[in-house]
Amino acid sequence: MIELKDILYKVAINAVVGNTVININKIEFDSREIEKNDVFVAIRGSVSDGHNFIQKAIDQGAIVVVCEELPKTKIDTVTYIVAENTQSALAIMGSNFYGNPSENLKLVGVTGTNGKTTIATLLYQLFKKAGFKVGLLSTVKILVDTKEYKATHTTPDSLTINRYLNEMSEAGVEYCFMEVSSHGIHQKRTEGLEFTGGIFTNLSHDHLDYHNTFKEYRDVKKVFFDELSANAFALINKDDKNGAFMLQNTKAKTYGYALKSYADFRGQILENSIEGLLLKLNDHEVWAKLIGSFNAYNLLAIFGAAELLGLETLETLRLLSDLKSVSGRFQYLISDNKITAIVDYAHTPDALKNVLETINDIRTNNETLVTVVGCGGDRDKMKRPVMGNIAARLSNKAIFTSDNPRTENPGQIIEDIEKGVEPQDYKKTLSITDRKQAIKTACQLAETGDIILIAGKGHETYQEINGERFDFNDFEIVKEELKKLNK
């Protein structure tokens, strides 16, 4: 048991009604999870307002309510804490409740539009191979050294983050690498955490269904760097024009990585093929199994972070050459009749452009490039025609299909994508609503030596339609369809 006053340390409080010298069981922000002697934190969300569930939480046993506004009717046996911001309060209280576990290990956050999962996961791989106990908080999975948990959000809620960090601390984990999303920053999920470092990858058109404008999206990302301490490092991509903006006002020690600009960690692509990359990192040559210029940036960020975290340079280079691609990130197979199929999570215009340009850079142009792509429903609609334009322009054939339509009509989403196709590219495109049929058609269109790109869902093993999730795995489906062609 822990006393209420101890978990309120550093919380911005406007008023207290009741006793803070009481033992509490645990903290919850979902009234359905409340048990006897719990603290209920009322969060104002985009769908519902936790303030409407205060009485329900009390009925289920809550003895403390943290809110931004006192209820009209108060109960004498309940303590009410009026916080300036309950999302912020939840994060700080969660950290205090678990003994501030982020202070017991070296926590590095990775933020940006593209590359977060790859960088965080490969840093986990690298430090694991270097012999350390390591943690990972990513879109794909959560790892407490070797113990794996399923991930549900890019950045989990603040209680979940601290619970996993506490488990890592108790397991002797020394380093943890964490994806930090704009949603997570905006909803204060990372507040109260002690970061050893932050990495900025790039910024492009994404999540404008949530942030409304690109400026708002950019400014939210910057908050992460604003909150880094003077003991932390901030490592940014200097080739992205938003990189320097991230460093304004940060107290952290600042560093940069780049392929095109002068930087602390400078890279040069010497060879780029389907087998991998030959890179020059500062003055050292290294061969990596990852493919494409976007992965050259990812490897540079990993190299820079490893150096800043104290790994010996030659050991870092040796380990870099052994890193394997992340599930659903330029994951490829070559069929028996030499058709190359690539599955990638590219679900933003910039990411799709990067992947297609990478494929076009490494192919001979004697092959046909067939791209299968869709856009998610109930998400930013502005990027749909842009994605259609890029897919049609940079491929020999483009098949527009469903991604995760969610509650939207898949046909309408595809129509939005088609609007971006230029007249000269009309004949290169076709639309097939059923994603499995679209992948099957791409395989049937491909001949020996051709390349198929299936973009948008990457590592996901489901398709979300009308609130239901159905089993769906791009990589397994294309593997099966290509196998049928070989028979």
Protein backbone atom coordinates (compact mmCIF):
# COMPACT_ATOMS: atom_id res chain seq x y z
CA MET A 1 0.00 0.00 0.00
CA ILE A 2 1.11 3.57 -0.64
CA GLU A 3 -0.10 6.86 0.81
CA LEU A 4 -2.03 9.30 -1.37
CA LYS A 5 0.23 12.25 -0.46
CA ASP A 6 3.26 10.37 -1.82
CA ILE A 7 1.80 9.90 -5.29
CA LEU A 8 0.75 13.55 -5.52
CA TYR A 9 4.36 14.79 -5.49
CA LYS A 10 4.93 17.27 -8.37
CA VAL A 11 1.25 17.22 -9.46
CA ALA A 12 -0.14 20.71 -10.23
CA ILE A 13 -3.04 20.91 -7.76
CA ASN A 14 -5.63 23.70 -7.54
CA ALA A 15 -7.58 22.40 -4.53
CA VAL A 16 -7.85 19.49 -2.08
CA VAL A 17 -11.08 18.47 -0.37
CA GLY A 18 -10.51 15.73 2.22
CA ASN A 19 -7.59 13.78 3.65
CA THR A 20 -4.38 12.99 1.71
CA VAL A 21 -2.80 10.88 4.48
CA ILE A 22 -4.64 7.71 3.47
CA ASN A 23 -3.53 4.42 1.94
CA ILE A 24 -4.66 3.76 -1.61
CA ASN A 25 -4.78 0.51 -3.58
CA LYS A 26 -4.09 1.56 -7.18
CA ILE A 27 -4.80 4.28 -9.78
CA GLU A 28 -7.37 3.91 -12.58
CA PHE A 29 -8.79 6.23 -15.26
CA ASP A 30 -11.39 3.69 -16.45
CA SER A 31 -14.30 3.59 -13.98
CA ARG A 32 -15.03 -0.03 -14.97
CA GLU A 33 -11.66 -1.10 -13.51
CA ILE A 34 -12.18 0.56 -10.11
CA GLU A 35 -11.91 -1.59 -6.96
CA LYS A 36 -12.00 -0.84 -3.23
CA ASN A 37 -9.64 1.96 -2.07
CA ASP A 38 -8.65 2.95 -5.63
CA VAL A 39 -7.90 6.41 -7.02
CA PHE A 40 -10.11 7.41 -9.96
CA VAL A 41 -8.67 10.00 -12.35
CA ALA A 42 -11.35 11.71 -14.48
CA ILE A 43 -9.92 12.31 -17.97
CA ARG A 44 -11.61 14.45 -20.60
CA GLY A 45 -11.24 12.35 -23.77
CA SER A 46 -12.28 12.90 -27.38
CA VAL A 47 -15.10 10.35 -27.05
CA SER A 48 -16.17 10.56 -23.39
CA ASP A 49 -15.55 12.65 -20.27
CA GLY A 50 -14.40 10.81 -17.15
CA HIS A 51 -16.13 13.45 -15.00
CA ASN A 52 -19.43 11.83 -16.00
CA PHE A 53 -18.31 8.57 -14.35
CA ILE A 54 -17.19 9.91 -10.96
CA GLN A 55 -20.25 8.59 -9.11
CA LYS A 56 -19.92 5.18 -10.76
CA ALA A 57 -16.25 5.02 -9.66
CA ILE A 58 -17.23 5.91 -6.07
CA ASP A 59 -19.98 3.27 -6.10
CA GLN A 60 -17.35 0.70 -7.07
CA GLY A 61 -15.02 1.63 -4.20
CA ALA A 62 -12.96 4.68 -5.21
CA ILE A 63 -11.88 6.67 -2.14
CA VAL A 64 -10.01 9.37 -4.11
CA VAL A 65 -11.22 11.31 -7.14
CA VAL A 66 -8.81 13.40 -9.19
CA CYS A 67 -10.71 15.84 -11.38
CA GLU A 68 -10.47 19.23 -13.09
CA GLU A 69 -13.87 20.28 -11.80
CA LEU A 70 -15.49 19.30 -8.47
CA PRO A 71 -18.79 17.43 -8.73
CA LYS A 72 -21.84 19.27 -7.39
CA THR A 73 -22.45 16.53 -4.81
CA LYS A 74 -19.47 15.48 -2.69
CA ILE A 75 -19.20 12.52 -0.34
CA ASP A 76 -17.49 13.01 3.05
CA THR A 77 -15.56 9.73 2.91
CA VAL A 78 -14.01 10.55 -0.48
CA THR A 79 -10.98 12.81 -1.05
CA TYR A 80 -11.24 15.12 -4.06
CA ILE A 81 -8.10 16.47 -5.74
CA VAL A 82 -8.69 19.27 -8.23
CA ALA A 83 -5.79 19.13 -10.71
CA GLU A 84 -4.84 21.69 -13.32
CA ASN A 85 -4.76 18.94 -15.95
CA THR A 86 -5.85 15.39 -15.12
CA GLN A 87 -3.93 13.82 -18.04
CA SER A 88 -0.74 15.36 -16.66
CA ALA A 89 -1.72 14.38 -13.10
CA LEU A 90 -2.32 10.77 -14.18
CA ALA A 91 1.16 10.54 -15.74
CA ILE A 92 2.98 12.03 -12.74
CA MET A 93 0.95 10.02 -10.22
CA GLY A 94 1.57 6.84 -12.22
CA SER A 95 5.30 7.50 -12.17
CA ASN A 96 5.25 8.19 -8.40
CA PHE A 97 3.08 5.11 -7.74
CA TYR A 98 5.64 2.82 -9.40
CA GLY A 99 8.62 4.53 -7.74
CA ASN A 100 9.67 6.64 -10.75
CA PRO A 101 11.11 3.65 -12.64
CA SER A 102 12.36 5.74 -15.60
CA GLU A 103 15.08 7.08 -13.28
CA ASN A 104 16.41 3.54 -12.75
CA LEU A 105 17.33 2.93 -16.40
CA LYS A 106 18.39 4.83 -19.51
CA LEU A 107 15.19 5.67 -21.38
CA VAL A 108 15.46 6.93 -24.97
CA GLY A 109 12.39 8.23 -26.83
CA VAL A 110 12.09 8.19 -30.63
CA THR A 111 9.63 10.58 -32.29
CA GLY A 112 8.84 11.71 -35.84
CA THR A 113 6.48 10.65 -38.63
CA ASN A 114 8.44 7.72 -40.07
CA GLY A 115 11.16 5.44 -38.71
CA LYS A 116 10.14 5.34 -35.03
CA THR A 117 9.49 1.59 -34.91
CA THR A 118 12.58 0.66 -36.92
CA ILE A 119 14.94 2.83 -34.85
CA ALA A 120 13.54 1.81 -31.46
CA THR A 121 13.44 -1.91 -32.39
CA LEU A 122 16.92 -1.97 -33.93
CA LEU A 123 18.39 -0.11 -30.94
CA TYR A 124 16.83 -2.83 -28.78
CA GLN A 125 18.43 -5.48 -31.05
CA LEU A 126 21.82 -3.76 -31.01
CA PHE A 127 22.04 -3.30 -27.23
CA LYS A 128 20.76 -6.85 -26.68
CA LYS A 129 23.53 -8.18 -28.94
CA ALA A 130 25.99 -6.01 -26.99
CA GLY A 131 25.09 -8.05 -23.89
CA PHE A 132 22.77 -5.69 -22.02
CA LYS A 133 19.32 -6.28 -20.57
CA VAL A 134 17.07 -4.10 -22.71
CA GLY A 135 13.44 -2.96 -22.89
CA LEU A 136 11.29 -1.90 -25.85
CA LEU A 137 8.01 0.02 -26.00
CA SER A 138 6.91 0.01 -29.66
CA THR A 139 3.95 -0.16 -32.02
CA VAL A 140 4.73 -3.80 -32.82
CA LYS A 141 5.53 -5.21 -29.38
CA ILE A 142 6.62 -4.51 -25.82
CA LEU A 143 9.70 -6.32 -24.57
CA VAL A 144 10.92 -6.56 -20.99
CA ASP A 145 14.33 -7.98 -21.87
CA THR A 146 13.23 -11.29 -23.48
CA LYS A 147 9.64 -11.31 -22.16
CA GLU A 148 7.18 -10.18 -24.85
CA TYR A 149 3.82 -8.44 -24.54
CA LYS A 150 1.39 -7.38 -27.26
CA ALA A 151 1.31 -3.65 -28.05
CA THR A 152 -2.02 -1.84 -28.54
CA HIS A 153 -0.88 1.78 -29.07
CA THR A 154 2.26 3.48 -30.43
CA THR A 155 2.61 5.16 -27.02
CA PRO A 156 0.66 3.30 -24.29
CA ASP A 157 -1.26 5.17 -21.56
CA SER A 158 0.92 6.62 -18.80
CA LEU A 159 -0.04 3.97 -16.21
CA THR A 160 0.85 1.17 -18.63
CA ILE A 161 4.17 2.83 -19.51
CA ASN A 162 5.16 3.09 -15.86
CA ARG A 163 3.98 -0.44 -15.08
CA TYR A 164 6.24 -1.84 -17.82
CA LEU A 165 9.13 0.45 -16.85
CA ASN A 166 8.77 -0.78 -13.27
CA GLU A 167 8.87 -4.39 -14.48
CA MET A 168 11.98 -3.55 -16.52
CA SER A 169 13.61 -1.90 -13.50
CA GLU A 170 12.92 -4.93 -11.33
CA ALA A 171 14.28 -7.23 -14.08
CA GLY A 172 17.58 -5.29 -14.16
CA VAL A 173 17.00 -3.68 -17.58
CA GLU A 174 19.64 -1.01 -18.26
CA TYR A 175 18.31 0.58 -21.47
CA CYS A 176 14.80 1.07 -22.80
CA PHE A 177 13.89 2.36 -26.26
CA MET A 178 10.44 3.82 -26.70
CA GLU A 179 8.35 5.14 -29.58
CA VAL A 180 6.85 8.52 -28.68
CA SER A 181 3.81 9.45 -30.79
CA SER A 182 2.29 12.89 -31.21
CA HIS A 183 -0.92 11.55 -29.62
CA GLY A 184 1.10 10.36 -26.62
CA ILE A 185 2.80 13.75 -26.21
CA HIS A 186 -0.45 15.69 -26.63
CA GLN A 187 -2.23 13.49 -24.09
CA LYS A 188 0.64 13.94 -21.57
CA ARG A 189 1.40 10.20 -21.48
CA THR A 190 5.16 10.78 -21.27
CA GLU A 191 5.01 13.47 -18.59
CA GLY A 192 6.91 12.64 -15.40
CA LEU A 193 9.31 10.32 -17.26
CA GLU A 194 13.06 10.89 -17.05
CA PHE A 195 14.48 10.52 -20.58
CA THR A 196 18.21 9.98 -21.13
CA GLY A 197 17.77 11.03 -24.75
CA GLY A 198 15.37 11.88 -27.54
CA ILE A 199 15.66 11.15 -31.28
CA PHE A 200 13.82 13.08 -34.02
CA THR A 201 13.48 11.25 -37.37
CA ASN A 202 11.47 13.46 -39.76
CA LEU A 203 8.14 15.19 -40.12
CA SER A 204 5.61 14.82 -42.93
CA HIS A 205 1.85 14.87 -43.53
CA ASP A 206 0.16 12.58 -40.95
CA HIS A 207 -2.44 12.52 -38.14
CA LEU A 208 -4.12 15.73 -39.32
CA ASP A 209 -7.45 14.09 -38.43
CA TYR A 210 -6.28 14.52 -34.80
CA HIS A 211 -4.07 17.62 -34.88
CA ASN A 212 -6.04 19.67 -37.48
CA THR A 213 -3.00 21.47 -38.92
CA PHE A 214 0.58 20.55 -39.76
CA LYS A 215 1.80 23.37 -37.50
CA GLU A 216 -0.10 21.92 -34.53
CA TYR A 217 1.31 18.44 -35.29
CA ARG A 218 4.85 19.87 -35.50
CA ASP A 219 4.47 21.94 -32.32
CA VAL A 220 3.27 18.91 -30.34
CA LYS A 221 6.37 16.94 -31.40
CA LYS A 222 8.54 19.82 -30.21
CA VAL A 223 7.06 19.61 -26.68
CA PHE A 224 8.90 16.30 -26.21
CA PHE A 225 12.27 18.03 -26.75
CA ASP A 226 11.24 21.08 -24.70
CA GLU A 227 10.78 18.78 -21.70
CA LEU A 228 14.12 16.96 -21.92
CA SER A 229 16.47 17.71 -19.02
CA ALA A 230 19.92 19.29 -19.24
CA ASN A 231 21.42 15.83 -18.61
CA ALA A 232 19.74 14.34 -21.68
CA PHE A 233 20.73 14.37 -25.35
CA ALA A 234 18.59 15.47 -28.30
CA LEU A 235 19.59 13.83 -31.60
CA ILE A 236 17.88 15.19 -34.72
CA ASN A 237 17.84 14.55 -38.46
CA LYS A 238 19.53 17.69 -39.83
CA ASP A 239 18.34 16.95 -43.37
CA ASP A 240 14.74 17.51 -42.26
CA LYS A 241 13.89 21.21 -42.13
CA ASN A 242 11.92 20.65 -38.91
CA GLY A 243 14.94 19.19 -37.09
CA ALA A 244 16.40 22.54 -36.02
CA PHE A 245 12.94 23.69 -34.87
CA MET A 246 12.77 20.75 -32.46
CA LEU A 247 15.92 21.98 -30.72
CA GLN A 248 14.66 25.50 -30.02
CA ASN A 249 14.26 25.89 -26.23
CA THR A 250 15.52 22.40 -25.37
CA LYS A 251 17.81 22.19 -22.35
CA ALA A 252 19.31 18.92 -23.63
CA LYS A 253 22.74 18.58 -25.28
CA THR A 254 22.08 18.77 -29.02
CA TYR A 255 23.45 16.58 -31.83
CA GLY A 256 22.59 15.95 -35.47
CA TYR A 257 22.80 13.19 -38.07
CA ALA A 258 22.59 13.66 -41.85
CA LEU A 259 23.32 12.29 -45.30
CA LYS A 260 23.26 15.69 -47.04
CA SER A 261 24.40 18.21 -44.41
CA TYR A 262 27.33 18.66 -42.05
CA ALA A 263 26.50 16.83 -38.81
CA ASP A 264 27.98 15.14 -35.75
CA PHE A 265 27.04 11.80 -37.32
CA ARG A 266 27.53 12.00 -41.07
CA GLY A 267 26.54 9.25 -43.49
CA GLN A 268 27.17 8.45 -47.12
CA ILE A 269 25.55 5.69 -49.22
CA LEU A 270 28.29 3.88 -51.13
CA GLU A 271 26.12 1.00 -52.43
CA ASN A 272 22.35 0.44 -52.38
CA SER A 273 20.95 -2.92 -53.53
CA ILE A 274 18.26 -5.47 -52.70
CA GLU A 275 20.89 -7.25 -50.57
CA GLY A 276 21.54 -4.20 -48.40
CA LEU A 277 23.51 -0.98 -47.95
CA LEU A 278 27.20 -0.16 -47.93
CA LEU A 279 27.52 2.97 -45.82
CA LYS A 280 30.22 5.32 -44.69
CA LEU A 281 29.38 6.48 -41.14
CA ASN A 282 31.74 9.30 -40.17
CA ASP A 283 35.04 7.74 -41.30
CA HIS A 284 33.99 4.07 -41.07
CA GLU A 285 32.57 1.78 -43.74
CA VAL A 286 29.87 -0.69 -42.72
CA TRP A 287 27.69 -3.16 -44.59
CA ALA A 288 24.06 -3.39 -43.40
CA LYS A 289 21.32 -5.86 -44.31
CA LEU A 290 18.71 -3.08 -44.45
CA ILE A 291 17.67 -1.54 -47.76
CA GLY A 292 17.11 2.01 -49.03
CA SER A 293 18.07 5.58 -48.24
CA PHE A 294 15.38 5.88 -45.56
CA ASN A 295 17.09 3.00 -43.75
CA ALA A 296 20.42 4.79 -44.16
CA TYR A 297 18.87 7.57 -42.04
CA ASN A 298 17.57 5.03 -39.53
CA LEU A 299 21.01 3.41 -39.25
CA LEU A 300 22.63 6.82 -38.80
CA ALA A 301 20.25 7.62 -35.94
CA ILE A 302 21.02 4.24 -34.34
CA PHE A 303 24.77 4.78 -34.77
CA GLY A 304 24.53 8.26 -33.21
CA ALA A 305 22.39 7.10 -30.28
CA ALA A 306 24.70 4.16 -29.55
CA GLU A 307 27.71 6.51 -29.53
CA LEU A 308 25.91 8.97 -27.22
CA LEU A 309 24.96 6.13 -24.89
CA GLY A 310 28.61 5.16 -24.57
CA LEU A 311 29.01 2.10 -26.79
CA GLU A 312 32.48 1.69 -28.30
CA THR A 313 32.49 2.75 -31.99
CA LEU A 314 33.93 -0.41 -33.56
CA GLU A 315 31.59 -2.59 -31.47
CA THR A 316 28.62 -0.48 -32.63
CA LEU A 317 29.64 -0.86 -36.29
CA ARG A 318 30.07 -4.63 -35.91
CA LEU A 319 26.61 -4.91 -34.36
CA LEU A 320 25.02 -2.61 -36.97
CA SER A 321 26.09 -4.98 -39.74
CA ASP A 322 24.18 -7.81 -38.04
CA LEU A 323 20.83 -6.02 -37.58
CA LYS A 324 17.78 -7.50 -39.31
CA SER A 325 14.78 -5.60 -40.67
CA VAL A 326 11.72 -5.12 -38.50
CA SER A 327 8.49 -7.03 -39.24
CA GLY A 328 6.45 -5.19 -41.88
CA ARG A 329 9.19 -2.64 -42.58
CA PHE A 330 10.53 -3.35 -46.11
CA GLN A 331 10.05 -7.04 -45.34
CA TYR A 332 10.57 -9.00 -48.54
CA LEU A 333 10.58 -12.47 -50.06
CA ILE A 334 11.59 -13.79 -53.46
CA SER A 335 9.40 -16.53 -54.93
CA ASP A 336 10.65 -19.60 -56.78
CA ASN A 337 9.95 -17.87 -60.11
CA LYS A 338 11.93 -14.81 -58.98
CA ILE A 339 9.08 -12.41 -58.20
CA THR A 340 10.06 -10.08 -55.34
CA ALA A 341 7.26 -9.17 -52.91
CA ILE A 342 7.84 -6.33 -50.41
CA VAL A 343 5.52 -5.60 -47.48
CA ASP A 344 5.89 -2.19 -45.86
CA TYR A 345 3.99 -0.15 -43.26
CA ALA A 346 4.18 2.97 -45.48
CA HIS A 347 0.84 4.66 -44.71
CA THR A 348 1.81 8.30 -45.22
CA PRO A 349 2.63 10.05 -48.52
CA ASP A 350 6.25 10.60 -47.47
CA ALA A 351 6.77 6.98 -46.39
CA LEU A 352 5.18 5.61 -49.59
CA LYS A 353 7.33 7.94 -51.72
CA ASN A 354 10.48 6.83 -49.83
CA VAL A 355 9.73 3.14 -50.34
CA LEU A 356 8.85 3.50 -54.03
CA GLU A 357 11.91 5.68 -54.73
CA THR A 358 14.09 3.13 -52.93
CA ILE A 359 12.69 0.31 -55.09
CA ASN A 360 13.17 2.39 -58.24
CA ASP A 361 16.76 3.19 -57.20
CA ILE A 362 17.73 -0.47 -56.85
CA ARG A 363 15.86 -2.01 -59.80
CA THR A 364 17.04 -2.15 -63.41
CA ASN A 365 13.70 -0.92 -64.88
CA ASN A 366 13.42 -4.12 -66.93
CA GLU A 367 10.96 -5.28 -64.25
CA THR A 368 7.37 -4.22 -63.71
CA LEU A 369 6.66 -2.63 -60.32
CA VAL A 370 3.12 -3.34 -59.08
CA THR A 371 1.98 -1.42 -55.99
CA VAL A 372 -1.00 -2.40 -53.83
CA VAL A 373 -2.07 0.44 -51.53
CA GLY A 374 -5.05 1.81 -49.60
CA CYS A 375 -5.78 4.37 -46.89
CA GLY A 376 -7.30 3.93 -43.44
CA GLY A 377 -10.88 4.94 -42.72
CA ASP A 378 -11.82 7.51 -40.04
CA ARG A 379 -8.40 9.10 -40.48
CA ASP A 380 -6.85 12.08 -42.28
CA LYS A 381 -8.66 12.30 -45.66
CA MET A 382 -6.31 14.93 -47.10
CA LYS A 383 -3.52 12.42 -47.68
CA ARG A 384 -5.63 10.02 -49.78
CA PRO A 385 -5.31 11.72 -53.21
CA VAL A 386 -1.62 12.41 -52.48
CA MET A 387 -1.05 8.69 -51.85
CA GLY A 388 -2.90 7.86 -55.09
CA ASN A 389 -0.76 10.29 -57.05
CA ILE A 390 2.50 8.91 -55.66
CA ALA A 391 1.54 5.24 -56.16
CA ALA A 392 0.44 5.78 -59.77
CA ARG A 393 3.33 8.05 -60.70
CA LEU A 394 6.14 5.92 -59.24
CA SER A 395 4.81 2.44 -60.17
CA ASN A 396 4.21 0.67 -63.48
CA LYS A 397 0.84 -0.51 -62.14
CA ALA A 398 -1.06 0.60 -59.04
CA ILE A 399 -3.92 -1.30 -57.43
CA PHE A 400 -6.03 0.75 -55.00
CA THR A 401 -7.71 -1.30 -52.30
CA SER A 402 -8.93 -1.31 -48.69
CA ASP A 403 -6.58 -0.74 -45.76
CA ASN A 404 -8.48 -0.62 -42.44
CA PRO A 405 -11.75 1.02 -43.58
CA ARG A 406 -13.06 1.07 -39.99
CA THR A 407 -16.53 2.69 -40.11
CA GLU A 408 -16.11 4.29 -43.56
CA ASN A 409 -17.31 2.95 -46.91
CA PRO A 410 -14.21 1.33 -48.54
CA GLY A 411 -15.43 2.35 -52.00
CA GLN A 412 -15.54 6.02 -50.97
CA ILE A 413 -11.98 5.83 -49.59
CA ILE A 414 -10.77 4.38 -52.89
CA GLU A 415 -12.58 7.15 -54.81
CA ASP A 416 -10.71 9.71 -52.66
CA ILE A 417 -7.40 8.00 -53.52
CA GLU A 418 -8.23 7.94 -57.26
CA LYS A 419 -8.77 11.73 -57.30
CA GLY A 420 -5.01 12.26 -57.03
CA VAL A 421 -4.12 10.24 -60.14
CA GLU A 422 -2.99 12.39 -63.08
CA PRO A 423 -4.53 11.75 -66.55
CA GLN A 424 -1.35 10.24 -67.98
CA ASP A 425 -1.42 7.61 -65.22
CA TYR A 426 -5.09 6.54 -65.48
CA LYS A 427 -4.29 3.44 -67.52
CA LYS A 428 -1.75 2.28 -64.92
CA THR A 429 -4.34 1.96 -62.13
CA LEU A 430 -7.17 -0.33 -61.13
CA SER A 431 -9.31 -0.53 -58.01
CA ILE A 432 -10.21 -3.70 -56.12
CA THR A 433 -12.02 -3.20 -52.81
CA ASP A 434 -11.21 -6.65 -51.38
CA ARG A 435 -7.59 -6.46 -50.16
CA LYS A 436 -6.94 -10.20 -50.51
CA GLN A 437 -8.21 -10.13 -54.09
CA ALA A 438 -6.05 -7.06 -54.78
CA ILE A 439 -2.93 -8.90 -53.55
CA LYS A 440 -3.92 -12.00 -55.58
CA THR A 441 -4.36 -9.84 -58.72
CA ALA A 442 -0.94 -8.22 -58.19
CA CYS A 443 0.63 -11.69 -58.03
CA GLN A 444 -1.19 -12.74 -61.23
CA LEU A 445 -0.03 -9.58 -63.03
CA ALA A 446 3.60 -10.12 -62.02
CA GLU A 447 6.02 -12.11 -64.16
CA THR A 448 9.51 -13.44 -63.52
CA GLY A 449 11.77 -10.69 -62.15
CA ASP A 450 8.91 -8.30 -61.33
CA ILE A 451 8.42 -6.52 -58.00
CA ILE A 452 5.24 -6.25 -55.92
CA LEU A 453 4.93 -3.67 -53.15
CA ILE A 454 2.10 -4.10 -50.64
CA ALA A 455 1.95 -0.90 -48.63
CA GLY A 456 0.07 0.47 -45.64
CA LYS A 457 -0.44 -2.29 -43.08
CA GLY A 458 3.03 -3.76 -42.64
CA HIS A 459 3.25 -5.75 -39.39
CA GLU A 460 -0.52 -5.65 -38.70
CA THR A 461 -2.16 -9.07 -38.51
CA TYR A 462 -5.74 -7.85 -38.81
CA GLN A 463 -8.09 -5.76 -40.93
CA GLU A 464 -10.54 -3.47 -39.13
CA ILE A 465 -14.00 -3.26 -40.74
CA ASN A 466 -17.06 -1.74 -39.04
CA GLY A 467 -15.60 -2.03 -35.54
CA GLU A 468 -14.52 -5.66 -35.99
CA ARG A 469 -11.01 -7.00 -36.46
CA PHE A 470 -10.54 -9.85 -38.90
CA ASP A 471 -7.34 -11.91 -39.25
CA PHE A 472 -5.30 -10.48 -42.12
CA ASN A 473 -1.56 -10.63 -42.72
CA ASP A 474 -0.20 -9.06 -45.93
CA PHE A 475 3.07 -11.00 -45.79
CA GLU A 476 1.43 -14.40 -45.28
CA ILE A 477 -1.18 -13.75 -48.00
CA VAL A 478 1.34 -12.68 -50.66
CA LYS A 479 3.58 -15.62 -49.74
CA GLU A 480 0.63 -18.02 -50.19
CA GLU A 481 -0.51 -16.44 -53.47
CA LEU A 482 3.00 -16.57 -54.95
CA LYS A 483 3.33 -20.18 -53.84
CA LYS A 484 0.11 -21.03 -55.78
CA LEU A 485 1.61 -19.52 -58.94
CA ASN A 486 4.67 -21.75 -58.62
CA LYS A 487 2.60 -24.94 -58.66
